N, C-alpha and C. Protein backbone atom coordinates (compact mmCIF):
# COMPACT_ATOMS: atom_id res chain seq x y z
N MET A 1 90.25 60.64 84.70
CA MET A 1 91.08 60.92 85.20
C MET A 1 91.46 61.47 83.69
N ALA A 2 91.47 61.49 82.80
CA ALA A 2 92.24 61.39 81.47
C ALA A 2 91.74 62.52 80.62
N GLN A 3 89.94 62.82 81.04
CA GLN A 3 89.51 63.60 81.00
C GLN A 3 89.66 65.28 81.35
N SER A 4 89.93 65.48 82.79
CA SER A 4 90.41 66.05 83.42
C SER A 4 91.68 66.71 83.31
N LEU A 5 92.64 65.63 82.35
CA LEU A 5 93.86 65.94 82.33
C LEU A 5 94.22 66.37 80.49
N PHE A 6 92.68 66.40 79.75
CA PHE A 6 93.03 66.52 78.35
C PHE A 6 92.58 68.41 79.09
N PHE A 7 91.29 68.25 79.86
CA PHE A 7 90.93 69.98 80.31
C PHE A 7 92.00 70.92 80.56
N PHE A 8 92.50 69.38 81.28
CA PHE A 8 94.11 70.70 81.77
C PHE A 8 95.28 70.91 80.60
N SER A 9 95.26 70.27 80.28
CA SER A 9 96.03 70.73 78.52
C SER A 9 95.37 72.35 78.35
N LEU A 10 94.43 71.88 77.11
CA LEU A 10 93.96 72.32 77.26
C LEU A 10 93.39 74.18 78.39
N LEU A 11 93.79 74.24 78.79
CA LEU A 11 93.44 75.63 79.83
C LEU A 11 94.93 75.24 79.70
N ILE A 12 96.18 74.98 79.77
CA ILE A 12 97.50 75.75 80.22
C ILE A 12 97.49 75.74 78.07
N LEU A 13 97.74 75.81 77.30
CA LEU A 13 97.72 76.26 75.90
C LEU A 13 97.09 77.22 75.50
N SER A 14 95.27 77.04 75.98
CA SER A 14 95.10 78.42 75.99
C SER A 14 95.62 79.49 76.70
N LEU A 15 96.66 80.02 78.32
CA LEU A 15 97.22 80.43 78.79
C LEU A 15 98.81 80.80 77.86
N ALA A 16 98.78 79.76 77.18
CA ALA A 16 100.56 80.62 76.33
C ALA A 16 99.59 80.45 75.40
N ALA A 17 98.77 80.79 74.56
CA ALA A 17 98.33 81.23 73.31
C ALA A 17 98.04 82.86 73.88
N MET A 18 97.45 83.15 75.03
CA MET A 18 97.44 84.48 75.17
C MET A 18 98.90 85.37 75.15
N GLN A 19 99.56 84.24 76.36
CA GLN A 19 100.50 85.13 76.31
C GLN A 19 101.37 85.75 75.25
N ARG A 20 101.48 84.77 74.20
CA ARG A 20 102.10 85.13 72.93
C ARG A 20 101.44 86.19 72.64
N THR A 21 100.09 86.91 72.38
CA THR A 21 99.19 87.20 72.05
C THR A 21 99.71 88.57 72.41
N HIS A 22 99.54 88.32 73.71
CA HIS A 22 99.77 90.06 74.30
C HIS A 22 101.57 89.96 74.43
N ALA A 23 102.51 89.26 74.00
CA ALA A 23 103.25 89.60 74.07
C ALA A 23 104.20 90.24 72.98
N VAL A 24 105.50 91.03 72.89
CA VAL A 24 105.89 92.51 71.85
C VAL A 24 106.74 91.50 72.11
N ASP A 25 106.90 92.14 70.20
CA ASP A 25 109.13 90.89 69.89
C ASP A 25 109.93 92.07 69.95
N TYR A 26 111.20 92.83 70.03
CA TYR A 26 112.11 93.46 70.13
C TYR A 26 113.28 93.01 69.17
N ALA A 27 113.14 93.74 68.36
CA ALA A 27 114.30 93.84 67.38
C ALA A 27 115.51 94.38 67.14
N VAL A 28 116.26 94.90 66.57
CA VAL A 28 117.28 95.87 66.51
C VAL A 28 118.08 95.60 65.44
N THR A 29 118.45 96.50 64.49
CA THR A 29 119.29 96.65 63.67
C THR A 29 120.30 97.75 63.61
N ASP A 30 121.22 97.31 63.10
CA ASP A 30 122.42 98.16 63.04
C ASP A 30 122.96 97.81 61.84
N ASN A 31 122.20 99.79 61.16
CA ASN A 31 123.25 99.72 60.08
C ASN A 31 124.83 100.30 59.94
N THR A 32 125.35 100.53 60.96
CA THR A 32 126.48 102.31 60.79
C THR A 32 127.29 101.39 60.34
N GLY A 33 127.39 99.68 59.94
CA GLY A 33 129.06 99.08 59.49
C GLY A 33 130.16 99.61 60.25
N ASN A 34 131.29 100.36 59.43
CA ASN A 34 132.45 99.87 59.73
C ASN A 34 132.95 101.61 60.39
N THR A 35 132.11 102.90 61.08
CA THR A 35 132.05 103.32 61.39
C THR A 35 132.23 103.70 62.82
N SER A 36 132.90 105.36 63.31
CA SER A 36 133.22 105.43 64.36
C SER A 36 131.83 105.14 65.46
N SER A 37 131.18 106.51 64.95
CA SER A 37 129.88 106.24 65.49
C SER A 37 129.76 104.62 66.15
N GLY A 38 130.00 103.99 64.85
CA GLY A 38 128.26 102.60 65.18
C GLY A 38 130.21 101.29 66.01
N VAL A 39 130.83 101.51 65.76
CA VAL A 39 131.70 101.15 66.45
C VAL A 39 131.60 101.78 67.98
N ARG A 40 131.19 102.61 68.46
CA ARG A 40 130.90 103.46 69.57
C ARG A 40 129.92 102.24 70.44
N PHE A 41 129.01 102.51 69.49
CA PHE A 41 127.82 101.77 70.16
C PHE A 41 127.84 100.72 70.18
N ARG A 42 128.83 99.55 69.28
CA ARG A 42 128.78 98.23 69.30
C ARG A 42 129.81 98.24 70.55
N ASN A 43 130.55 98.40 70.73
CA ASN A 43 131.32 99.26 71.90
C ASN A 43 131.03 99.13 73.76
N GLU A 44 129.94 100.44 74.02
CA GLU A 44 129.19 100.74 74.46
C GLU A 44 128.18 100.81 74.93
N ILE A 45 127.16 100.35 73.88
CA ILE A 45 125.61 100.44 74.53
C ILE A 45 125.68 98.69 73.90
N GLY A 46 125.72 98.27 72.79
CA GLY A 46 125.65 97.27 72.18
C GLY A 46 124.11 96.85 71.76
N ILE A 47 123.33 95.33 71.29
CA ILE A 47 122.16 95.31 71.05
C ILE A 47 121.09 94.83 71.43
N ASP A 48 122.47 94.18 72.90
CA ASP A 48 121.58 93.37 73.71
C ASP A 48 120.62 94.02 75.29
N TYR A 49 121.84 95.33 75.15
CA TYR A 49 121.22 96.94 75.93
C TYR A 49 120.05 97.37 75.10
N SER A 50 120.36 97.22 73.96
CA SER A 50 119.41 97.85 73.65
C SER A 50 118.14 97.08 73.24
N LEU A 51 117.88 96.16 73.40
CA LEU A 51 116.53 94.95 74.25
C LEU A 51 116.27 95.48 74.87
N GLN A 52 117.15 94.94 75.94
CA GLN A 52 117.22 94.95 77.51
C GLN A 52 115.17 96.87 77.86
N THR A 53 116.75 97.03 77.41
CA THR A 53 115.73 98.80 77.42
C THR A 53 114.81 98.52 77.33
N MET A 54 114.38 98.88 75.67
CA MET A 54 113.79 98.36 75.36
C MET A 54 112.45 97.90 76.23
N GLY A 55 112.93 96.90 76.01
CA GLY A 55 111.53 95.28 77.06
C GLY A 55 111.24 96.56 78.28
N SER A 56 112.63 97.11 79.42
CA SER A 56 111.68 98.12 80.06
C SER A 56 111.23 98.88 79.67
N ALA A 57 111.53 100.10 78.92
CA ALA A 57 110.32 100.68 79.01
C ALA A 57 109.52 100.35 78.77
N THR A 58 109.20 99.88 78.04
CA THR A 58 107.56 99.36 77.85
C THR A 58 107.23 99.11 78.65
N ASP A 59 107.46 98.28 79.82
CA ASP A 59 106.81 98.44 80.43
C ASP A 59 106.52 99.43 82.16
N PHE A 60 107.61 99.82 81.86
CA PHE A 60 107.48 101.22 82.20
C PHE A 60 106.87 102.25 82.16
N ILE A 61 106.89 102.47 80.38
CA ILE A 61 105.59 103.39 80.20
C ILE A 61 103.81 102.41 80.45
N TRP A 62 103.92 101.54 80.19
CA TRP A 62 102.38 100.92 80.83
C TRP A 62 102.33 101.27 81.88
N ARG A 63 102.87 100.93 83.11
CA ARG A 63 102.75 101.84 84.45
C ARG A 63 102.51 102.89 84.36
N THR A 64 103.13 103.82 84.05
CA THR A 64 103.34 105.47 84.36
C THR A 64 102.05 105.94 83.25
N PHE A 65 101.62 104.88 82.26
CA PHE A 65 100.08 105.17 81.24
C PHE A 65 99.00 103.76 82.12
N GLN A 66 99.57 103.37 83.32
CA GLN A 66 98.02 102.75 83.65
C GLN A 66 96.75 101.95 82.70
N GLN A 67 98.05 101.90 81.61
CA GLN A 67 98.05 100.58 80.49
C GLN A 67 98.12 98.87 80.81
N ASN A 68 97.12 98.65 82.02
CA ASN A 68 97.25 97.56 82.23
C ASN A 68 96.66 96.36 82.02
N THR A 69 96.00 96.20 81.27
CA THR A 69 95.33 95.40 80.38
C THR A 69 95.80 95.44 78.51
N PRO A 70 96.08 94.80 77.95
CA PRO A 70 95.77 94.99 76.43
C PRO A 70 95.32 95.86 75.41
N ALA A 71 93.37 95.73 76.34
CA ALA A 71 92.84 96.62 75.77
C ALA A 71 92.89 98.01 76.24
N ASP A 72 93.84 98.44 76.90
CA ASP A 72 94.19 100.36 77.09
C ASP A 72 95.51 100.50 75.73
N ARG A 73 96.15 99.00 75.65
CA ARG A 73 97.46 99.54 74.88
C ARG A 73 96.78 99.35 73.21
N LYS A 74 97.53 100.61 72.80
CA LYS A 74 98.06 99.98 71.34
C LYS A 74 98.34 98.36 70.91
N ASP A 75 97.60 97.91 69.31
CA ASP A 75 98.06 96.53 69.49
C ASP A 75 99.43 96.80 68.60
N VAL A 76 100.75 97.00 69.17
CA VAL A 76 101.58 96.41 68.93
C VAL A 76 102.38 95.60 68.79
N PRO A 77 102.42 94.40 67.90
CA PRO A 77 103.26 92.89 68.34
C PRO A 77 104.86 92.68 68.32
N LYS A 78 104.99 94.46 67.12
CA LYS A 78 106.89 94.36 67.27
C LYS A 78 106.85 95.58 67.47
N VAL A 79 108.53 95.82 68.23
CA VAL A 79 108.68 97.33 67.67
C VAL A 79 110.49 97.03 67.48
N THR A 80 110.48 97.89 66.06
CA THR A 80 112.29 97.66 65.71
C THR A 80 113.34 98.83 66.01
N LEU A 81 113.61 98.83 66.59
CA LEU A 81 115.27 99.52 66.49
C LEU A 81 116.37 100.22 65.30
N PHE A 82 116.28 100.01 64.58
CA PHE A 82 116.82 100.84 63.61
C PHE A 82 118.51 101.93 64.41
N ILE A 83 119.80 101.71 64.12
CA ILE A 83 121.05 102.07 64.55
C ILE A 83 121.03 102.66 63.12
N GLU A 84 121.35 103.84 63.71
CA GLU A 84 122.06 104.42 61.25
C GLU A 84 123.04 105.80 61.88
N ASN A 85 123.28 106.27 60.55
CA ASN A 85 124.39 107.79 60.25
C ASN A 85 123.07 108.44 59.87
N GLY A 86 122.60 109.55 59.95
CA GLY A 86 122.14 109.80 59.26
C GLY A 86 122.05 111.50 59.68
N GLU A 87 121.65 112.20 58.16
CA GLU A 87 121.46 113.96 58.36
C GLU A 87 121.40 114.33 59.74
N GLY A 88 120.88 115.90 59.59
CA GLY A 88 120.03 116.46 59.55
C GLY A 88 119.84 116.81 61.90
N ASN A 89 118.80 117.30 62.67
CA ASN A 89 119.60 117.75 63.95
C ASN A 89 119.06 116.60 64.59
N ALA A 90 118.06 116.07 64.48
CA ALA A 90 116.74 114.51 65.17
C ALA A 90 118.33 113.74 65.41
N LEU A 91 118.21 113.49 67.01
CA LEU A 91 119.31 112.25 67.59
C LEU A 91 118.37 110.95 66.99
N ALA A 92 116.82 111.43 67.14
CA ALA A 92 115.74 109.89 67.36
C ALA A 92 114.53 110.49 66.35
N TYR A 93 114.18 109.56 66.21
CA TYR A 93 112.00 109.69 65.39
C TYR A 93 111.53 108.23 66.14
N ALA A 94 110.50 108.72 66.08
CA ALA A 94 109.80 107.16 66.05
C ALA A 94 108.79 107.33 65.00
N VAL A 95 108.44 105.97 64.08
CA VAL A 95 107.33 106.33 63.65
C VAL A 95 106.72 104.51 63.17
N ASN A 96 106.05 104.37 62.85
CA ASN A 96 105.08 103.09 62.16
C ASN A 96 104.89 101.48 62.85
N ASN A 97 105.88 102.32 64.47
CA ASN A 97 106.74 101.09 65.20
C ASN A 97 107.72 100.26 65.46
N GLU A 98 108.76 101.94 64.41
CA GLU A 98 110.39 101.97 64.61
C GLU A 98 110.44 102.64 65.19
N ILE A 99 112.05 102.69 65.87
CA ILE A 99 112.58 102.98 67.03
C ILE A 99 113.98 103.75 65.60
N HIS A 100 114.04 104.71 65.08
CA HIS A 100 115.68 105.56 64.17
C HIS A 100 116.17 106.43 65.65
N VAL A 101 117.56 105.48 65.67
CA VAL A 101 118.83 106.82 66.00
C VAL A 101 119.85 107.00 65.88
N ARG A 102 120.30 108.13 65.17
CA ARG A 102 121.00 108.27 64.01
C ARG A 102 122.30 107.81 65.58
N ALA A 103 123.34 107.17 65.08
CA ALA A 103 124.44 107.11 66.07
C ALA A 103 125.23 107.76 66.17
N ASN A 104 125.59 108.98 65.25
CA ASN A 104 126.66 110.02 65.16
C ASN A 104 125.89 111.32 65.72
N LYS A 105 124.91 111.44 66.29
CA LYS A 105 123.99 112.17 67.59
C LYS A 105 124.63 111.85 68.55
N LEU A 106 124.81 110.82 68.76
CA LEU A 106 124.92 110.32 70.08
C LEU A 106 125.83 110.70 70.76
N GLY A 107 127.00 111.96 70.46
CA GLY A 107 128.11 112.67 70.80
C GLY A 107 129.15 111.26 71.55
N THR A 108 130.15 111.73 71.55
CA THR A 108 131.68 111.40 72.13
C THR A 108 132.16 111.32 73.74
N SER A 109 131.18 111.95 74.41
CA SER A 109 131.42 112.28 76.19
C SER A 109 130.41 111.47 76.73
N GLY A 110 130.47 111.05 78.49
CA GLY A 110 129.10 110.87 78.97
C GLY A 110 129.29 109.34 78.84
N ASP A 111 128.51 108.97 80.07
CA ASP A 111 127.66 107.91 79.84
C ASP A 111 126.81 107.48 79.01
N ALA A 112 126.72 106.35 77.61
CA ALA A 112 126.25 106.82 76.33
C ALA A 112 125.25 105.41 77.12
N LYS A 113 125.49 104.63 77.71
CA LYS A 113 124.01 103.52 77.79
C LYS A 113 123.12 104.13 78.88
N TRP A 114 123.36 105.65 80.08
CA TRP A 114 122.25 106.02 79.95
C TRP A 114 121.64 106.95 79.64
N GLY A 115 122.60 107.48 78.25
CA GLY A 115 121.44 108.67 77.19
C GLY A 115 121.20 107.78 77.19
N PHE A 116 121.79 106.85 75.93
CA PHE A 116 121.22 106.04 74.94
C PHE A 116 119.19 105.36 75.92
N ALA A 117 119.58 105.19 76.81
CA ALA A 117 118.07 104.68 77.59
C ALA A 117 117.52 105.81 77.37
N GLY A 118 117.55 107.57 77.42
CA GLY A 118 116.59 108.19 77.70
C GLY A 118 115.96 108.71 77.06
N VAL A 119 116.65 108.23 76.00
CA VAL A 119 116.37 108.23 74.29
C VAL A 119 115.27 107.47 73.79
N ILE A 120 115.60 105.64 74.53
CA ILE A 120 114.32 105.30 73.91
C ILE A 120 113.42 104.71 74.89
N TYR A 121 113.53 106.18 76.26
CA TYR A 121 112.67 106.06 76.84
C TYR A 121 111.09 107.16 76.29
N HIS A 122 112.02 108.26 75.72
CA HIS A 122 111.48 108.82 74.84
C HIS A 122 110.46 108.54 73.67
N GLU A 123 111.25 107.72 73.01
CA GLU A 123 110.51 107.22 71.55
C GLU A 123 109.61 106.22 71.99
N MET A 124 109.97 105.15 73.07
CA MET A 124 109.17 104.53 73.34
C MET A 124 107.78 105.11 73.87
N ALA A 125 107.69 105.56 74.41
CA ALA A 125 106.28 106.79 74.97
C ALA A 125 105.96 106.94 73.67
N HIS A 126 106.64 107.06 72.45
CA HIS A 126 105.81 107.78 71.20
C HIS A 126 105.12 106.47 70.98
N ILE A 127 106.06 105.32 70.88
CA ILE A 127 105.09 103.57 70.34
C ILE A 127 103.80 104.12 70.81
N TRP A 128 104.04 104.59 71.78
CA TRP A 128 102.87 103.80 72.88
C TRP A 128 101.46 104.67 73.45
N GLN A 129 101.88 105.83 73.19
CA GLN A 129 101.37 107.04 73.30
C GLN A 129 100.09 107.34 72.32
N TRP A 130 98.75 107.85 73.55
CA TRP A 130 97.88 107.76 72.52
C TRP A 130 97.75 109.84 71.88
N ASN A 131 97.58 109.32 70.63
CA ASN A 131 97.85 111.16 69.92
C ASN A 131 96.75 111.75 70.07
N GLY A 132 96.11 112.09 70.00
CA GLY A 132 94.17 112.56 70.19
C GLY A 132 93.41 112.22 68.12
N ASN A 133 93.93 111.31 68.46
CA ASN A 133 93.34 111.06 67.15
C ASN A 133 94.27 112.14 65.70
N GLY A 134 94.91 112.16 66.02
CA GLY A 134 95.36 112.89 64.92
C GLY A 134 95.12 114.61 65.40
N GLN A 135 94.80 114.86 66.91
CA GLN A 135 94.56 116.43 67.14
C GLN A 135 95.43 117.00 67.66
N ALA A 136 95.71 116.41 68.99
CA ALA A 136 96.36 116.89 69.94
C ALA A 136 98.00 117.96 69.15
N PRO A 137 97.64 118.68 70.55
CA PRO A 137 99.55 119.30 69.37
C PRO A 137 101.28 118.06 69.51
N GLY A 138 101.74 118.86 68.40
CA GLY A 138 102.93 117.78 68.94
C GLY A 138 103.66 118.39 69.58
N GLU A 139 103.44 119.53 70.08
CA GLU A 139 104.44 119.63 71.01
C GLU A 139 103.87 119.01 72.82
N LEU A 140 103.04 118.49 73.43
CA LEU A 140 102.07 118.30 73.88
C LEU A 140 101.97 116.85 73.63
N ILE A 141 102.69 116.49 72.88
CA ILE A 141 102.61 114.78 72.05
C ILE A 141 104.15 114.15 72.92
N ASP A 142 104.89 115.16 72.56
CA ASP A 142 106.40 115.52 73.16
C ASP A 142 106.60 115.42 74.58
N GLY A 143 105.74 116.64 75.22
CA GLY A 143 106.29 116.75 76.18
C GLY A 143 105.49 115.80 77.19
N ILE A 144 104.56 114.78 76.50
CA ILE A 144 104.02 113.53 77.81
C ILE A 144 105.46 112.19 77.29
N ALA A 145 106.01 112.19 75.90
CA ALA A 145 107.21 111.67 75.61
C ALA A 145 108.50 111.59 76.95
N ASP A 146 108.52 113.26 77.02
CA ASP A 146 109.41 114.09 77.98
C ASP A 146 109.14 113.94 79.45
N PHE A 147 107.76 113.81 80.03
CA PHE A 147 107.13 113.34 80.82
C PHE A 147 107.85 111.67 81.41
N VAL A 148 107.34 110.64 80.47
CA VAL A 148 107.72 109.57 80.87
C VAL A 148 109.52 109.24 81.17
N ARG A 149 110.40 109.34 80.36
CA ARG A 149 111.66 110.51 80.62
C ARG A 149 111.96 111.09 81.23
N LEU A 150 111.85 112.15 82.90
CA LEU A 150 111.41 112.56 83.64
C LEU A 150 111.51 111.60 84.31
N LYS A 151 110.25 111.09 84.64
CA LYS A 151 109.55 109.69 85.75
C LYS A 151 110.70 108.64 85.88
N ALA A 152 111.16 108.93 85.17
CA ALA A 152 112.35 107.30 84.26
C ALA A 152 113.22 107.61 85.17
N ASN A 153 113.79 109.02 85.72
CA ASN A 153 114.78 109.78 85.79
C ASN A 153 116.29 109.83 84.45
N TYR A 154 115.77 110.06 83.90
CA TYR A 154 116.72 110.19 82.27
C TYR A 154 116.43 111.40 82.47
N ILE A 155 117.13 112.81 82.78
CA ILE A 155 117.32 113.93 83.25
C ILE A 155 117.87 114.53 83.04
N PRO A 156 118.67 114.27 80.72
CA PRO A 156 119.45 115.23 80.55
C PRO A 156 119.82 116.58 81.22
N SER A 157 121.43 116.97 81.80
CA SER A 157 121.78 118.31 82.14
C SER A 157 120.98 119.48 81.27
N HIS A 158 120.93 119.86 79.63
CA HIS A 158 120.60 120.84 79.53
C HIS A 158 118.85 120.96 80.02
N TRP A 159 118.13 120.63 80.40
CA TRP A 159 117.11 120.71 80.09
C TRP A 159 116.74 121.98 81.08
N VAL A 160 115.85 122.12 81.14
CA VAL A 160 115.14 123.34 81.73
C VAL A 160 114.82 123.02 83.16
N GLN A 161 114.73 123.45 84.12
CA GLN A 161 114.24 123.65 85.74
C GLN A 161 113.12 123.50 86.20
N PRO A 162 112.28 123.26 86.96
CA PRO A 162 111.01 123.26 87.68
C PRO A 162 110.36 124.90 86.94
N GLY A 163 109.33 125.29 86.77
CA GLY A 163 108.70 127.08 86.60
C GLY A 163 109.23 127.53 85.32
N GLN A 164 110.73 126.93 84.77
CA GLN A 164 110.86 128.31 83.17
C GLN A 164 110.43 127.09 82.03
N GLY A 165 110.24 128.31 81.12
CA GLY A 165 109.70 128.47 79.96
C GLY A 165 108.48 128.98 79.78
N VAL A 166 108.05 129.47 78.39
CA VAL A 166 106.97 130.24 77.87
C VAL A 166 106.23 130.23 77.98
N LYS A 167 106.14 129.13 77.30
CA LYS A 167 104.60 128.71 77.29
C LYS A 167 103.69 127.54 77.61
N TRP A 168 103.29 127.03 78.42
CA TRP A 168 102.54 125.03 78.89
C TRP A 168 102.94 124.04 77.60
N ASP A 169 102.73 124.46 76.34
CA ASP A 169 102.56 123.48 75.36
C ASP A 169 103.75 124.67 74.60
N GLN A 170 105.17 124.25 74.70
CA GLN A 170 106.63 124.79 74.38
C GLN A 170 106.96 123.81 74.12
N GLY A 171 106.94 122.27 74.57
CA GLY A 171 107.10 121.05 73.99
C GLY A 171 108.33 120.74 74.94
N TYR A 172 108.62 119.57 74.69
CA TYR A 172 110.05 119.04 75.59
C TYR A 172 109.83 119.32 76.87
N ASP A 173 111.28 119.37 76.82
CA ASP A 173 111.09 119.59 78.76
C ASP A 173 110.43 120.32 78.87
N VAL A 174 110.04 121.84 78.71
CA VAL A 174 109.14 122.27 79.41
C VAL A 174 107.72 121.33 79.34
N THR A 175 107.02 121.55 78.47
CA THR A 175 105.84 120.72 78.71
C THR A 175 106.19 119.71 80.11
N ALA A 176 107.17 119.15 79.50
CA ALA A 176 107.16 118.08 80.70
C ALA A 176 107.64 117.99 82.11
N ARG A 177 107.95 119.22 82.39
CA ARG A 177 108.39 119.85 83.23
C ARG A 177 106.61 120.38 84.16
N PHE A 178 106.25 121.04 83.28
CA PHE A 178 104.64 121.26 83.46
C PHE A 178 102.95 120.42 83.94
N LEU A 179 103.94 119.27 83.38
CA LEU A 179 102.76 118.44 83.73
C LEU A 179 103.40 117.21 84.84
N ASP A 180 104.93 117.23 85.00
CA ASP A 180 104.65 116.90 86.43
C ASP A 180 104.23 117.65 87.35
N TYR A 181 104.46 119.03 86.89
CA TYR A 181 103.24 119.82 88.04
C TYR A 181 102.02 119.54 88.39
N CYS A 182 101.12 119.87 87.39
CA CYS A 182 100.32 119.26 87.34
C CYS A 182 99.96 116.84 87.23
N ASN A 183 100.47 116.56 87.65
CA ASN A 183 100.20 115.03 87.86
C ASN A 183 100.77 115.15 89.21
N SER A 184 101.16 116.49 89.81
CA SER A 184 101.22 115.84 91.25
C SER A 184 100.41 116.88 92.31
N LEU A 185 99.25 117.54 91.57
CA LEU A 185 97.86 118.06 91.70
C LEU A 185 96.70 116.79 91.74
N ARG A 186 96.89 115.91 90.48
CA ARG A 186 96.29 114.20 91.20
C ARG A 186 96.38 113.12 91.02
N ASN A 187 97.48 113.14 91.78
CA ASN A 187 98.52 111.63 91.07
C ASN A 187 97.64 110.40 89.46
N GLY A 188 98.79 110.45 89.09
CA GLY A 188 97.79 109.46 88.21
C GLY A 188 97.27 110.62 86.60
N PHE A 189 97.63 111.95 87.10
CA PHE A 189 96.81 112.66 86.18
C PHE A 189 97.41 112.13 84.85
N VAL A 190 98.69 112.22 84.46
CA VAL A 190 99.11 111.85 83.00
C VAL A 190 98.49 110.97 82.09
N ALA A 191 98.17 109.70 82.89
CA ALA A 191 97.89 109.41 82.55
C ALA A 191 95.94 108.93 82.07
N GLU A 192 95.12 109.90 83.05
CA GLU A 192 93.79 110.32 82.81
C GLU A 192 93.92 111.19 81.36
N LEU A 193 94.69 111.99 81.21
CA LEU A 193 94.80 113.10 79.84
C LEU A 193 95.51 112.54 78.90
N ASN A 194 96.14 111.16 78.58
CA ASN A 194 96.21 110.33 77.79
C ASN A 194 95.51 109.08 77.18
N LYS A 195 94.91 108.66 78.24
CA LYS A 195 93.39 107.72 77.79
C LYS A 195 92.41 108.58 77.12
N LYS A 196 92.37 110.05 77.98
CA LYS A 196 91.44 110.42 76.67
C LYS A 196 91.68 110.77 75.44
N MET A 197 93.13 110.73 75.41
CA MET A 197 93.44 111.08 74.17
C MET A 197 93.40 110.42 72.85
N ARG A 198 93.11 109.42 73.46
CA ARG A 198 92.88 107.67 72.55
C ARG A 198 91.72 108.22 71.13
N THR A 199 90.70 109.37 71.39
CA THR A 199 89.46 109.27 70.81
C THR A 199 90.23 110.23 69.88
N GLY A 200 90.36 112.31 69.98
CA GLY A 200 90.50 112.90 70.45
C GLY A 200 91.47 113.82 71.05
N TYR A 201 91.52 114.99 71.43
CA TYR A 201 92.26 116.13 72.41
C TYR A 201 91.38 117.65 72.31
N ASN A 202 91.07 117.90 73.53
CA ASN A 202 90.84 119.48 73.71
C ASN A 202 91.46 119.85 74.87
N ASP A 203 92.04 121.22 75.11
CA ASP A 203 92.36 121.76 75.53
C ASP A 203 91.25 121.28 77.60
N SER A 204 89.50 121.80 77.27
CA SER A 204 89.08 121.23 78.58
C SER A 204 88.65 119.83 79.25
N TYR A 205 90.23 119.00 78.09
CA TYR A 205 90.64 117.75 79.56
C TYR A 205 90.91 118.08 80.62
N PHE A 206 92.12 119.76 80.53
CA PHE A 206 92.82 119.65 81.85
C PHE A 206 91.43 119.82 82.80
N VAL A 207 90.08 120.84 82.14
CA VAL A 207 89.54 121.09 83.48
C VAL A 207 88.53 120.11 84.02
N ASP A 208 88.40 118.85 83.02
CA ASP A 208 88.00 117.70 83.35
C ASP A 208 88.52 116.98 84.33
N ILE A 209 89.48 116.52 84.20
CA ILE A 209 90.53 115.74 84.88
C ILE A 209 90.70 117.12 86.33
N LEU A 210 91.06 118.42 86.13
CA LEU A 210 91.89 118.81 87.75
C LEU A 210 90.75 119.80 87.57
N GLY A 211 89.87 121.05 87.09
CA GLY A 211 88.39 121.21 87.72
C GLY A 211 89.81 122.38 87.33
N LYS A 212 90.52 123.11 86.22
CA LYS A 212 90.83 124.44 86.03
C LYS A 212 91.69 123.81 84.12
N THR A 213 91.31 125.21 83.54
CA THR A 213 92.17 124.90 82.72
C THR A 213 93.68 126.07 82.33
N VAL A 214 93.73 124.91 81.46
CA VAL A 214 95.79 124.73 81.22
C VAL A 214 96.25 125.71 81.76
N GLU A 215 95.84 127.84 81.03
CA GLU A 215 96.41 128.71 81.40
C GLU A 215 96.53 129.03 82.74
N GLN A 216 95.08 129.03 83.92
CA GLN A 216 94.98 129.04 84.59
C GLN A 216 96.09 127.50 85.92
N LEU A 217 96.28 126.88 84.84
CA LEU A 217 96.92 125.97 85.66
C LEU A 217 98.31 126.50 84.95
N TRP A 218 99.17 126.49 84.12
CA TRP A 218 100.10 127.25 83.94
C TRP A 218 100.84 128.79 85.46
N SER A 219 99.87 129.36 84.51
CA SER A 219 99.50 130.82 85.77
C SER A 219 100.27 130.26 87.45
N ASP A 220 99.75 129.20 87.60
CA ASP A 220 99.49 128.54 89.05
C ASP A 220 101.47 128.05 89.23
N TYR A 221 101.42 127.72 88.14
CA TYR A 221 102.85 126.62 88.15
C TYR A 221 103.68 127.90 88.09
N LYS A 222 103.60 128.68 87.34
CA LYS A 222 104.91 129.09 87.35
C LYS A 222 104.52 130.18 88.22
N ALA A 223 104.06 130.95 89.14
CA ALA A 223 103.40 131.70 89.88
C ALA A 223 104.43 130.72 91.58
N LYS A 224 103.80 129.11 91.09
CA LYS A 224 104.76 128.66 92.53
C LYS A 224 106.50 128.82 92.74
N TYR A 225 106.90 128.36 91.30
CA TYR A 225 108.32 128.91 90.88
C TYR A 225 109.08 130.39 91.61
N GLY A 226 108.28 130.81 91.23
CA GLY A 226 108.11 133.23 91.19
C GLY A 226 108.60 133.14 89.86
N ASN A 227 107.99 132.61 88.93
CA ASN A 227 108.25 132.38 87.36
C ASN A 227 107.19 133.34 86.68
């Protein structure tokens, strides 16, 4: 009996260690001080909501990318969100497992939490997505991140409508809408594309998955919406 309890205890400890190994830690650092944008962040969004959104975004992205096991994902033990004020046009960016959001770019109208969540889902997608080992076009990378935002229903009013855009790799919302069309042709297309991009990138991946060139798919997409 004692021996059985010993082995049972070892099993519990092993499972606990695996959970700790596969868990992701989240942290938020607010560097906005006593600025008006910092006060709005703390009053209307807050650190607790930020942490909750980071976790829910990760879970959603893992499902969207079909990254069901740790072996499918990047080894990211911790993601840190920095809330700050800064110059430049970018509202947010991700680098080195960090997300930087400029509170002074969040705007002063509308649902602050809803808009903030959309930004976090986009940036968290950058944390987890594969980039073709540096070979994938940046516009496609941003398009996939906006595809995640689209599927999570955080679609800003200024986004293009389906079928709009000049070229498939225009980036952001244009590419996200196109990828959503491709995903409608084969459910899980974006997950398969992201998986292929773990080690490299080539436009031929579209042929591999959907049997058509990306140019033909873009032409079909435009024709569907009369554009």
